[in-house]
Amino acid sequence: RIVCGFLGNETPGDTLLSFLPPVLRLDVPEDHTGEWIESTFRFA
């Protein structure tokens, strides 16, 4: 089961986005902050 979404902005030619790799993977439950993020994500 997955949830799909998007983020976006209006900056033409955004430099940061152009220099990032094509995929970023984030292990949400990696630390205590991640545990809070995961529980919030699941609740919402």
All heavy atoms as atom14 arrays in JSON, in Angstrom:
{
  "sequence": "RIVCGFLGNETPGDTLLSFLPPVLRLDVPEDHTGEWIESTFRFA",
  "atom14_mask": [
    [1, 1, 1, 1, 1, 1, 1, 1, 1, 1, 1, 0, 0, 0],
    [1, 1, 1, 1, 1, 1, 1, 1, 0, 0, 0, 0, 0, 0],
    [1, 1, 1, 1, 1, 1, 1, 0, 0, 0, 0, 0, 0, 0],
    [1, 1, 1, 1, 1, 1, 0, 0, 0, 0, 0, 0, 0, 0],
    [1, 1, 1, 1, 0, 0, 0, 0, 0, 0, 0, 0, 0, 0],
    [1, 1, 1, 1, 1, 1, 1, 1, 1, 1, 1, 0, 0, 0],
    [1, 1, 1, 1, 1, 1, 1, 1, 0, 0, 0, 0, 0, 0],
    [1, 1, 1, 1, 0, 0, 0, 0, 0, 0, 0, 0, 0, 0],
    [1, 1, 1, 1, 1, 1, 1, 1, 0, 0, 0, 0, 0, 0],
    [1, 1, 1, 1, 1, 1, 1, 1, 1, 0, 0, 0, 0, 0],
    [1, 1, 1, 1, 1, 1, 1, 0, 0, 0, 0, 0, 0, 0],
    [1, 1, 1, 1, 1, 1, 1, 0, 0, 0, 0, 0, 0, 0],
    [1, 1, 1, 1, 0, 0, 0, 0, 0, 0, 0, 0, 0, 0],
    [1, 1, 1, 1, 1, 1, 1, 1, 0, 0, 0, 0, 0, 0],
    [1, 1, 1, 1, 1, 1, 1, 0, 0, 0, 0, 0, 0, 0],
    [1, 1, 1, 1, 1, 1, 1, 1, 0, 0, 0, 0, 0, 0],
    [1, 1, 1, 1, 1, 1, 1, 1, 0, 0, 0, 0, 0, 0],
    [1, 1, 1, 1, 1, 1, 0, 0, 0, 0, 0, 0, 0, 0],
    [1, 1, 1, 1, 1, 1, 1, 1, 1, 1, 1, 0, 0, 0],
    [1, 1, 1, 1, 1, 1, 1, 1, 0, 0, 0, 0, 0, 0],
    [1, 1, 1, 1, 1, 1, 1, 0, 0, 0, 0, 0, 0, 0],
    [1, 1, 1, 1, 1, 1, 1, 0, 0, 0, 0, 0, 0, 0],
    [1, 1, 1, 1, 1, 1, 1, 0, 0, 0, 0, 0, 0, 0],
    [1, 1, 1, 1, 1, 1, 1, 1, 0, 0, 0, 0, 0, 0],
    [1, 1, 1, 1, 1, 1, 1, 1, 1, 1, 1, 0, 0, 0],
    [1, 1, 1, 1, 1, 1, 1, 1, 0, 0, 0, 0, 0, 0],
    [1, 1, 1, 1, 1, 1, 1, 1, 0, 0, 0, 0, 0, 0],
    [1, 1, 1, 1, 1, 1, 1, 0, 0, 0, 0, 0, 0, 0],
    [1, 1, 1, 1, 1, 1, 1, 0, 0, 0, 0, 0, 0, 0],
    [1, 1, 1, 1, 1, 1, 1, 1, 1, 0, 0, 0, 0, 0],
    [1, 1, 1, 1, 1, 1, 1, 1, 0, 0, 0, 0, 0, 0],
    [1, 1, 1, 1, 1, 1, 1, 1, 1, 1, 0, 0, 0, 0],
    [1, 1, 1, 1, 1, 1, 1, 0, 0, 0, 0, 0, 0, 0],
    [1, 1, 1, 1, 0, 0, 0, 0, 0, 0, 0, 0, 0, 0],
    [1, 1, 1, 1, 1, 1, 1, 1, 1, 0, 0, 0, 0, 0],
    [1, 1, 1, 1, 1, 1, 1, 1, 1, 1, 1, 1, 1, 1],
    [1, 1, 1, 1, 1, 1, 1, 1, 0, 0, 0, 0, 0, 0],
    [1, 1, 1, 1, 1, 1, 1, 1, 1, 0, 0, 0, 0, 0],
    [1, 1, 1, 1, 1, 1, 0, 0, 0, 0, 0, 0, 0, 0],
    [1, 1, 1, 1, 1, 1, 1, 0, 0, 0, 0, 0, 0, 0],
    [1, 1, 1, 1, 1, 1, 1, 1, 1, 1, 1, 0, 0, 0],
    [1, 1, 1, 1, 1, 1, 1, 1, 1, 1, 1, 0, 0, 0],
    [1, 1, 1, 1, 1, 1, 1, 1, 1, 1, 1, 0, 0, 0],
    [1, 1, 1, 1, 1, 0, 0, 0, 0, 0, 0, 0, 0, 0]
  ],
  "atom14_positions": [
    [[0.86, -1.19, 0.0], [0.0, 0.0, 0.0], [0.89, 1.24, 0.0], [1.85, 1.34, 0.76], [-0.93, 0.03, 1.22], [-1.98, -1.05, 1.21], [-3.04, -0.85, 2.28], [-2.45, -0.79, 3.61], [-2.52, 0.27, 4.42], [-3.15, 1.38, 4.02], [-1.97, 0.23, 5.61], [0.0, 0.0, 0.0], [0.0, 0.0, 0.0], [0.0, 0.0, 0.0]],
    [[0.56, 2.19, -0.87], [1.34, 3.43, -0.95], [0.41, 4.63, -1.03], [-0.76, 4.52, -1.41], [2.31, 3.44, -2.16], [1.52, 3.41, -3.48], [3.28, 2.28, -2.09], [2.43, 3.54, -4.71], [0.0, 0.0, 0.0], [0.0, 0.0, 0.0], [0.0, 0.0, 0.0], [0.0, 0.0, 0.0], [0.0, 0.0, 0.0], [0.0, 0.0, 0.0]],
    [[0.94, 5.77, -0.63], [0.28, 7.07, -0.81], [1.13, 7.86, -1.78], [2.36, 7.93, -1.63], [0.15, 7.82, 0.53], [-0.37, 9.23, 0.3], [-0.77, 7.07, 1.48], [0.0, 0.0, 0.0], [0.0, 0.0, 0.0], [0.0, 0.0, 0.0], [0.0, 0.0, 0.0], [0.0, 0.0, 0.0], [0.0, 0.0, 0.0], [0.0, 0.0, 0.0]],
    [[0.52, 8.45, -2.8], [1.23, 9.21, -3.83], [0.86, 10.68, -3.73], [-0.31, 11.03, -3.56], [0.89, 8.68, -5.22], [1.21, 6.91, -5.43], [0.0, 0.0, 0.0], [0.0, 0.0, 0.0], [0.0, 0.0, 0.0], [0.0, 0.0, 0.0], [0.0, 0.0, 0.0], [0.0, 0.0, 0.0], [0.0, 0.0, 0.0], [0.0, 0.0, 0.0]],
    [[1.85, 11.54, -3.88], [1.6, 12.96, -3.81], [2.59, 13.75, -4.62], [3.42, 13.19, -5.36], [0.0, 0.0, 0.0], [0.0, 0.0, 0.0], [0.0, 0.0, 0.0], [0.0, 0.0, 0.0], [0.0, 0.0, 0.0], [0.0, 0.0, 0.0], [0.0, 0.0, 0.0], [0.0, 0.0, 0.0], [0.0, 0.0, 0.0], [0.0, 0.0, 0.0]],
    [[2.52, 15.05, -4.49], [3.43, 15.93, -5.22], [3.8, 17.13, -4.36], [3.08, 17.51, -3.44], [2.78, 16.42, -6.53], [1.68, 17.43, -6.32], [1.95, 18.8, -6.35], [0.38, 17.03, -6.07], [0.94, 19.73, -6.14], [-0.64, 17.94, -5.87], [-0.35, 19.31, -5.9], [0.0, 0.0, 0.0], [0.0, 0.0, 0.0], [0.0, 0.0, 0.0]],
    [[4.94, 17.69, -4.66], [5.36, 18.98, -4.16], [5.7, 19.82, -5.39], [5.99, 19.28, -6.46], [6.59, 18.86, -3.26], [6.4, 18.11, -1.94], [7.74, 17.81, -1.31], [5.54, 18.93, -1.0], [0.0, 0.0, 0.0], [0.0, 0.0, 0.0], [0.0, 0.0, 0.0], [0.0, 0.0, 0.0], [0.0, 0.0, 0.0], [0.0, 0.0, 0.0]],
    [[5.68, 21.13, -5.23], [6.01, 21.97, -6.38], [6.25, 23.4, -5.98], [5.95, 23.82, -4.85], [0.0, 0.0, 0.0], [0.0, 0.0, 0.0], [0.0, 0.0, 0.0], [0.0, 0.0, 0.0], [0.0, 0.0, 0.0], [0.0, 0.0, 0.0], [0.0, 0.0, 0.0], [0.0, 0.0, 0.0], [0.0, 0.0, 0.0], [0.0, 0.0, 0.0]],
    [[6.83, 24.14, -6.91], [6.99, 25.58, -6.71], [6.98, 26.27, -8.06], [6.85, 25.63, -9.1], [8.27, 25.9, -5.91], [9.54, 25.68, -6.71], [9.52, 25.22, -7.84], [10.67, 25.99, -6.1], [0.0, 0.0, 0.0], [0.0, 0.0, 0.0], [0.0, 0.0, 0.0], [0.0, 0.0, 0.0], [0.0, 0.0, 0.0], [0.0, 0.0, 0.0]],
    [[7.1, 27.6, -8.04], [6.95, 28.4, -9.25], [8.27, 29.01, -9.73], [8.26, 29.84, -10.63], [5.94, 29.52, -9.01], [4.53, 29.03, -8.7], [3.98, 28.15, -9.82], [4.21, 28.49, -11.0], [3.34, 27.13, -9.52], [0.0, 0.0, 0.0], [0.0, 0.0, 0.0], [0.0, 0.0, 0.0], [0.0, 0.0, 0.0], [0.0, 0.0, 0.0]],
    [[9.41, 28.64, -9.14], [10.68, 29.23, -9.52], [11.13, 28.69, -10.87], [11.38, 27.49, -10.99], [11.77, 28.95, -8.49], [11.35, 29.42, -7.21], [13.08, 29.64, -8.87], [0.0, 0.0, 0.0], [0.0, 0.0, 0.0], [0.0, 0.0, 0.0], [0.0, 0.0, 0.0], [0.0, 0.0, 0.0], [0.0, 0.0, 0.0], [0.0, 0.0, 0.0]],
    [[11.23, 29.53, -11.91], [11.67, 29.03, -13.21], [13.09, 28.47, -13.12], [13.98, 29.08, -12.53], [11.64, 30.27, -14.11], [10.74, 31.23, -13.42], [10.92, 30.97, -11.95], [0.0, 0.0, 0.0], [0.0, 0.0, 0.0], [0.0, 0.0, 0.0], [0.0, 0.0, 0.0], [0.0, 0.0, 0.0], [0.0, 0.0, 0.0], [0.0, 0.0, 0.0]],
    [[13.31, 27.27, -13.67], [14.65, 26.7, -13.7], [15.25, 26.51, -12.33], [16.42, 26.8, -12.12], [0.0, 0.0, 0.0], [0.0, 0.0, 0.0], [0.0, 0.0, 0.0], [0.0, 0.0, 0.0], [0.0, 0.0, 0.0], [0.0, 0.0, 0.0], [0.0, 0.0, 0.0], [0.0, 0.0, 0.0], [0.0, 0.0, 0.0], [0.0, 0.0, 0.0]],
    [[14.48, 26.01, -11.37], [14.96, 25.91, -10.0], [16.28, 25.15, -9.94], [16.37, 23.98, -10.31], [13.91, 25.2, -9.14], [14.19, 25.34, -7.67], [15.17, 24.73, -7.21], [13.46, 26.08, -6.99], [0.0, 0.0, 0.0], [0.0, 0.0, 0.0], [0.0, 0.0, 0.0], [0.0, 0.0, 0.0], [0.0, 0.0, 0.0], [0.0, 0.0, 0.0]],
    [[17.33, 25.83, -9.45], [18.68, 25.27, -9.48], [18.8, 24.04, -8.6], [19.4, 23.04, -9.0], [19.71, 26.33, -9.05], [19.66, 27.42, -9.96], [21.11, 25.76, -9.05], [0.0, 0.0, 0.0], [0.0, 0.0, 0.0], [0.0, 0.0, 0.0], [0.0, 0.0, 0.0], [0.0, 0.0, 0.0], [0.0, 0.0, 0.0], [0.0, 0.0, 0.0]],
    [[18.26, 24.09, -7.4], [18.4, 22.95, -6.5], [17.82, 21.69, -7.11], [18.45, 20.62, -7.1], [17.73, 23.25, -5.16], [17.74, 22.1, -4.14], [19.17, 21.66, -3.83], [17.01, 22.49, -2.88], [0.0, 0.0, 0.0], [0.0, 0.0, 0.0], [0.0, 0.0, 0.0], [0.0, 0.0, 0.0], [0.0, 0.0, 0.0], [0.0, 0.0, 0.0]],
    [[16.62, 21.77, -7.67], [15.99, 20.59, -8.26], [16.83, 20.03, -9.41], [16.94, 18.82, -9.57], [14.59, 20.93, -8.75], [13.56, 21.31, -7.68], [12.21, 21.58, -8.33], [13.44, 20.24, -6.62], [0.0, 0.0, 0.0], [0.0, 0.0, 0.0], [0.0, 0.0, 0.0], [0.0, 0.0, 0.0], [0.0, 0.0, 0.0], [0.0, 0.0, 0.0]],
    [[17.42, 20.91, -10.2], [18.19, 20.44, -11.35], [19.47, 19.73, -10.96], [19.99, 18.91, -11.71], [18.51, 21.62, -12.28], [19.42, 22.53, -11.66], [0.0, 0.0, 0.0], [0.0, 0.0, 0.0], [0.0, 0.0, 0.0], [0.0, 0.0, 0.0], [0.0, 0.0, 0.0], [0.0, 0.0, 0.0], [0.0, 0.0, 0.0], [0.0, 0.0, 0.0]],
    [[20.0, 20.0, -9.76], [21.25, 19.39, -9.32], [21.04, 18.15, -8.46], [22.0, 17.44, -8.16], [22.11, 20.4, -8.56], [22.91, 21.3, -9.46], [22.48, 22.58, -9.72], [24.08, 20.87, -10.04], [23.21, 23.42, -10.56], [24.82, 21.69, -10.88], [24.38, 22.97, -11.13], [0.0, 0.0, 0.0], [0.0, 0.0, 0.0], [0.0, 0.0, 0.0]],
    [[19.82, 17.89, -8.04], [19.57, 16.7, -7.23], [19.55, 15.45, -8.11], [19.25, 15.53, -9.31], [18.23, 16.84, -6.51], [18.19, 17.84, -5.36], [16.76, 18.02, -4.86], [19.1, 17.43, -4.21], [0.0, 0.0, 0.0], [0.0, 0.0, 0.0], [0.0, 0.0, 0.0], [0.0, 0.0, 0.0], [0.0, 0.0, 0.0], [0.0, 0.0, 0.0]],
    [[19.83, 14.28, -7.53], [19.72, 13.04, -8.32], [18.27, 12.77, -8.67], [17.35, 13.35, -8.08], [20.28, 11.98, -7.35], [20.09, 12.55, -5.99], [20.25, 14.04, -6.14], [0.0, 0.0, 0.0], [0.0, 0.0, 0.0], [0.0, 0.0, 0.0], [0.0, 0.0, 0.0], [0.0, 0.0, 0.0], [0.0, 0.0, 0.0], [0.0, 0.0, 0.0]],
    [[18.03, 11.87, -9.64], [16.65, 11.61, -10.08], [15.75, 11.02, -9.0], [14.54, 11.18, -9.05], [16.81, 10.61, -11.24], [18.24, 10.62, -11.6], [19.01, 11.13, -10.45], [0.0, 0.0, 0.0], [0.0, 0.0, 0.0], [0.0, 0.0, 0.0], [0.0, 0.0, 0.0], [0.0, 0.0, 0.0], [0.0, 0.0, 0.0], [0.0, 0.0, 0.0]],
    [[16.35, 10.34, -8.02], [15.57, 9.72, -6.95], [16.27, 9.96, -5.62], [17.49, 9.83, -5.51], [15.41, 8.19, -7.15], [14.54, 7.61, -6.04], [14.83, 7.87, -8.51], [0.0, 0.0, 0.0], [0.0, 0.0, 0.0], [0.0, 0.0, 0.0], [0.0, 0.0, 0.0], [0.0, 0.0, 0.0], [0.0, 0.0, 0.0], [0.0, 0.0, 0.0]],
    [[15.48, 10.33, -4.61], [15.96, 10.4, -3.23], [15.13, 9.43, -2.42], [13.91, 9.42, -2.51], [15.8, 11.81, -2.66], [16.64, 12.93, -3.27], [16.16, 14.28, -2.74], [18.11, 12.73, -2.99], [0.0, 0.0, 0.0], [0.0, 0.0, 0.0], [0.0, 0.0, 0.0], [0.0, 0.0, 0.0], [0.0, 0.0, 0.0], [0.0, 0.0, 0.0]],
    [[15.8, 8.6, -1.63], [15.09, 7.65, -0.76], [15.34, 8.05, 0.69], [16.48, 8.25, 1.1], [15.56, 6.22, -1.0], [14.86, 5.2, -0.1], [15.22, 3.79, -0.44], [16.64, 3.54, -0.39], [17.21, 2.39, -0.73], [16.47, 1.39, -1.15], [18.52, 2.23, -0.66], [0.0, 0.0, 0.0], [0.0, 0.0, 0.0], [0.0, 0.0, 0.0]],
    [[14.27, 8.14, 1.45], [14.38, 8.52, 2.86], [13.78, 7.42, 3.72], [12.61, 7.04, 3.54], [13.64, 9.84, 3.11], [13.72, 10.41, 4.52], [15.15, 10.77, 4.9], [12.83, 11.64, 4.64], [0.0, 0.0, 0.0], [0.0, 0.0, 0.0], [0.0, 0.0, 0.0], [0.0, 0.0, 0.0], [0.0, 0.0, 0.0], [0.0, 0.0, 0.0]],
    [[14.59, 6.89, 4.63], [14.11, 5.89, 5.56], [13.48, 6.61, 6.74], [14.16, 7.08, 7.64], [15.29, 5.02, 6.02], [14.86, 3.89, 6.94], [13.65, 3.76, 7.17], [15.74, 3.16, 7.43], [0.0, 0.0, 0.0], [0.0, 0.0, 0.0], [0.0, 0.0, 0.0], [0.0, 0.0, 0.0], [0.0, 0.0, 0.0], [0.0, 0.0, 0.0]],
    [[12.17, 6.7, 6.74], [11.47, 7.51, 7.74], [11.74, 7.05, 9.17], [12.03, 7.86, 10.03], [9.95, 7.54, 7.44], [9.19, 8.23, 8.55], [9.71, 8.23, 6.11], [0.0, 0.0, 0.0], [0.0, 0.0, 0.0], [0.0, 0.0, 0.0], [0.0, 0.0, 0.0], [0.0, 0.0, 0.0], [0.0, 0.0, 0.0], [0.0, 0.0, 0.0]],
    [[11.68, 5.74, 9.49], [11.86, 5.36, 10.89], [13.31, 5.23, 11.3], [13.65, 4.44, 12.17], [11.15, 4.01, 10.98], [11.04, 3.48, 9.63], [11.32, 4.6, 8.67], [0.0, 0.0, 0.0], [0.0, 0.0, 0.0], [0.0, 0.0, 0.0], [0.0, 0.0, 0.0], [0.0, 0.0, 0.0], [0.0, 0.0, 0.0], [0.0, 0.0, 0.0]],
    [[14.21, 6.0, 10.73], [15.64, 5.84, 10.99], [16.05, 6.32, 12.37], [17.01, 5.84, 12.95], [16.43, 6.6, 9.91], [17.91, 6.36, 9.94], [18.6, 6.95, 8.72], [18.29, 6.5, 7.6], [19.42, 7.86, 8.89], [0.0, 0.0, 0.0], [0.0, 0.0, 0.0], [0.0, 0.0, 0.0], [0.0, 0.0, 0.0], [0.0, 0.0, 0.0]],
    [[15.38, 7.33, 12.93], [15.75, 7.86, 14.23], [14.49, 8.31, 14.95], [13.37, 8.07, 14.5], [16.74, 9.02, 14.08], [16.24, 10.07, 13.1], [15.01, 10.21, 12.95], [17.08, 10.75, 12.48], [0.0, 0.0, 0.0], [0.0, 0.0, 0.0], [0.0, 0.0, 0.0], [0.0, 0.0, 0.0], [0.0, 0.0, 0.0], [0.0, 0.0, 0.0]],
    [[14.65, 8.98, 16.11], [13.49, 9.39, 16.9], [12.61, 10.38, 16.13], [11.38, 10.32, 16.19], [13.95, 10.02, 18.23], [14.59, 9.01, 19.14], [13.92, 7.9, 19.58], [15.83, 8.96, 19.67], [14.73, 7.19, 20.37], [15.89, 7.82, 20.44], [0.0, 0.0, 0.0], [0.0, 0.0, 0.0], [0.0, 0.0, 0.0], [0.0, 0.0, 0.0]],
    [[13.25, 11.29, 15.39], [12.47, 12.22, 14.57], [11.67, 11.44, 13.52], [10.51, 11.74, 13.25], [13.4, 13.23, 13.88], [14.13, 13.94, 14.87], [12.6, 14.2, 13.03], [0.0, 0.0, 0.0], [0.0, 0.0, 0.0], [0.0, 0.0, 0.0], [0.0, 0.0, 0.0], [0.0, 0.0, 0.0], [0.0, 0.0, 0.0], [0.0, 0.0, 0.0]],
    [[12.32, 10.45, 12.95], [11.65, 9.63, 11.95], [10.45, 8.89, 12.51], [9.44, 8.71, 11.83], [0.0, 0.0, 0.0], [0.0, 0.0, 0.0], [0.0, 0.0, 0.0], [0.0, 0.0, 0.0], [0.0, 0.0, 0.0], [0.0, 0.0, 0.0], [0.0, 0.0, 0.0], [0.0, 0.0, 0.0], [0.0, 0.0, 0.0], [0.0, 0.0, 0.0]],
    [[10.55, 8.44, 13.78], [9.42, 7.76, 14.4], [8.22, 8.7, 14.51], [7.07, 8.31, 14.28], [9.83, 7.25, 15.78], [10.84, 6.12, 15.73], [11.35, 5.75, 17.1], [10.85, 6.33, 18.09], [12.24, 4.89, 17.19], [0.0, 0.0, 0.0], [0.0, 0.0, 0.0], [0.0, 0.0, 0.0], [0.0, 0.0, 0.0], [0.0, 0.0, 0.0]],
    [[8.5, 9.96, 14.86], [7.4, 10.94, 14.94], [6.81, 11.19, 13.56], [5.59, 11.25, 13.4], [7.93, 12.25, 15.53], [6.94, 13.36, 15.42], [5.88, 13.6, 16.24], [6.89, 14.37, 14.4], [5.17, 14.7, 15.79], [5.76, 15.19, 14.69], [7.69, 14.67, 13.29], [5.44, 16.28, 13.88], [7.35, 15.75, 12.51], [6.23, 16.55, 12.8]],
    [[7.67, 11.31, 12.55], [7.18, 11.54, 11.18], [6.31, 10.38, 10.73], [5.22, 10.57, 10.17], [8.37, 11.75, 10.22], [9.06, 13.08, 10.5], [7.91, 11.68, 8.76], [10.34, 13.28, 9.72], [0.0, 0.0, 0.0], [0.0, 0.0, 0.0], [0.0, 0.0, 0.0], [0.0, 0.0, 0.0], [0.0, 0.0, 0.0], [0.0, 0.0, 0.0]],
    [[6.78, 9.16, 10.99], [6.02, 8.0, 10.54], [4.65, 7.94, 11.21], [3.63, 7.69, 10.55], [6.79, 6.72, 10.83], [6.06, 5.47, 10.32], [6.8, 4.19, 10.63], [7.77, 4.24, 11.41], [6.4, 3.15, 10.09], [0.0, 0.0, 0.0], [0.0, 0.0, 0.0], [0.0, 0.0, 0.0], [0.0, 0.0, 0.0], [0.0, 0.0, 0.0]],
    [[4.6, 8.18, 12.52], [3.32, 8.1, 13.22], [2.37, 9.19, 12.74], [1.16, 8.95, 12.59], [3.54, 8.22, 14.73], [4.09, 9.47, 15.08], [0.0, 0.0, 0.0], [0.0, 0.0, 0.0], [0.0, 0.0, 0.0], [0.0, 0.0, 0.0], [0.0, 0.0, 0.0], [0.0, 0.0, 0.0], [0.0, 0.0, 0.0], [0.0, 0.0, 0.0]],
    [[2.91, 10.4, 12.48], [2.07, 11.48, 11.95], [1.54, 11.12, 10.57], [0.36, 11.34, 10.25], [2.86, 12.79, 11.89], [3.4, 13.08, 13.17], [1.97, 13.94, 11.43], [0.0, 0.0, 0.0], [0.0, 0.0, 0.0], [0.0, 0.0, 0.0], [0.0, 0.0, 0.0], [0.0, 0.0, 0.0], [0.0, 0.0, 0.0], [0.0, 0.0, 0.0]],
    [[2.4, 10.58, 9.73], [2.0, 10.19, 8.39], [0.89, 9.15, 8.45], [-0.11, 9.24, 7.73], [3.21, 9.64, 7.63], [3.23, 9.99, 6.17], [4.29, 10.68, 5.63], [2.19, 9.63, 5.33], [4.33, 11.0, 4.3], [2.21, 9.95, 3.98], [3.29, 10.64, 3.47], [0.0, 0.0, 0.0], [0.0, 0.0, 0.0], [0.0, 0.0, 0.0]],
    [[1.05, 8.16, 9.31], [0.06, 7.09, 9.4], [-1.27, 7.61, 9.93], [-2.33, 7.22, 9.46], [0.59, 5.97, 10.28], [1.7, 5.18, 9.61], [2.18, 4.03, 10.48], [3.15, 3.23, 9.75], [2.84, 2.32, 8.84], [1.57, 2.1, 8.55], [3.77, 1.64, 8.21], [0.0, 0.0, 0.0], [0.0, 0.0, 0.0], [0.0, 0.0, 0.0]],
    [[-1.22, 8.49, 10.92], [-2.45, 9.03, 11.49], [-3.22, 9.83, 10.44], [-4.42, 9.63, 10.24], [-2.11, 9.93, 12.68], [-3.3, 10.67, 13.23], [-4.19, 10.03, 14.08], [-3.53, 11.99, 12.9], [-5.3, 10.7, 14.58], [-4.63, 12.67, 13.39], [-5.52, 12.02, 14.24], [0.0, 0.0, 0.0], [0.0, 0.0, 0.0], [0.0, 0.0, 0.0]],
    [[-2.52, 10.75, 9.75], [-3.19, 11.57, 8.75], [-3.66, 10.74, 7.57], [-4.74, 10.96, 7.02], [-2.25, 12.69, 8.28], [0.0, 0.0, 0.0], [0.0, 0.0, 0.0], [0.0, 0.0, 0.0], [0.0, 0.0, 0.0], [0.0, 0.0, 0.0], [0.0, 0.0, 0.0], [0.0, 0.0, 0.0], [0.0, 0.0, 0.0], [0.0, 0.0, 0.0]]
  ]
}
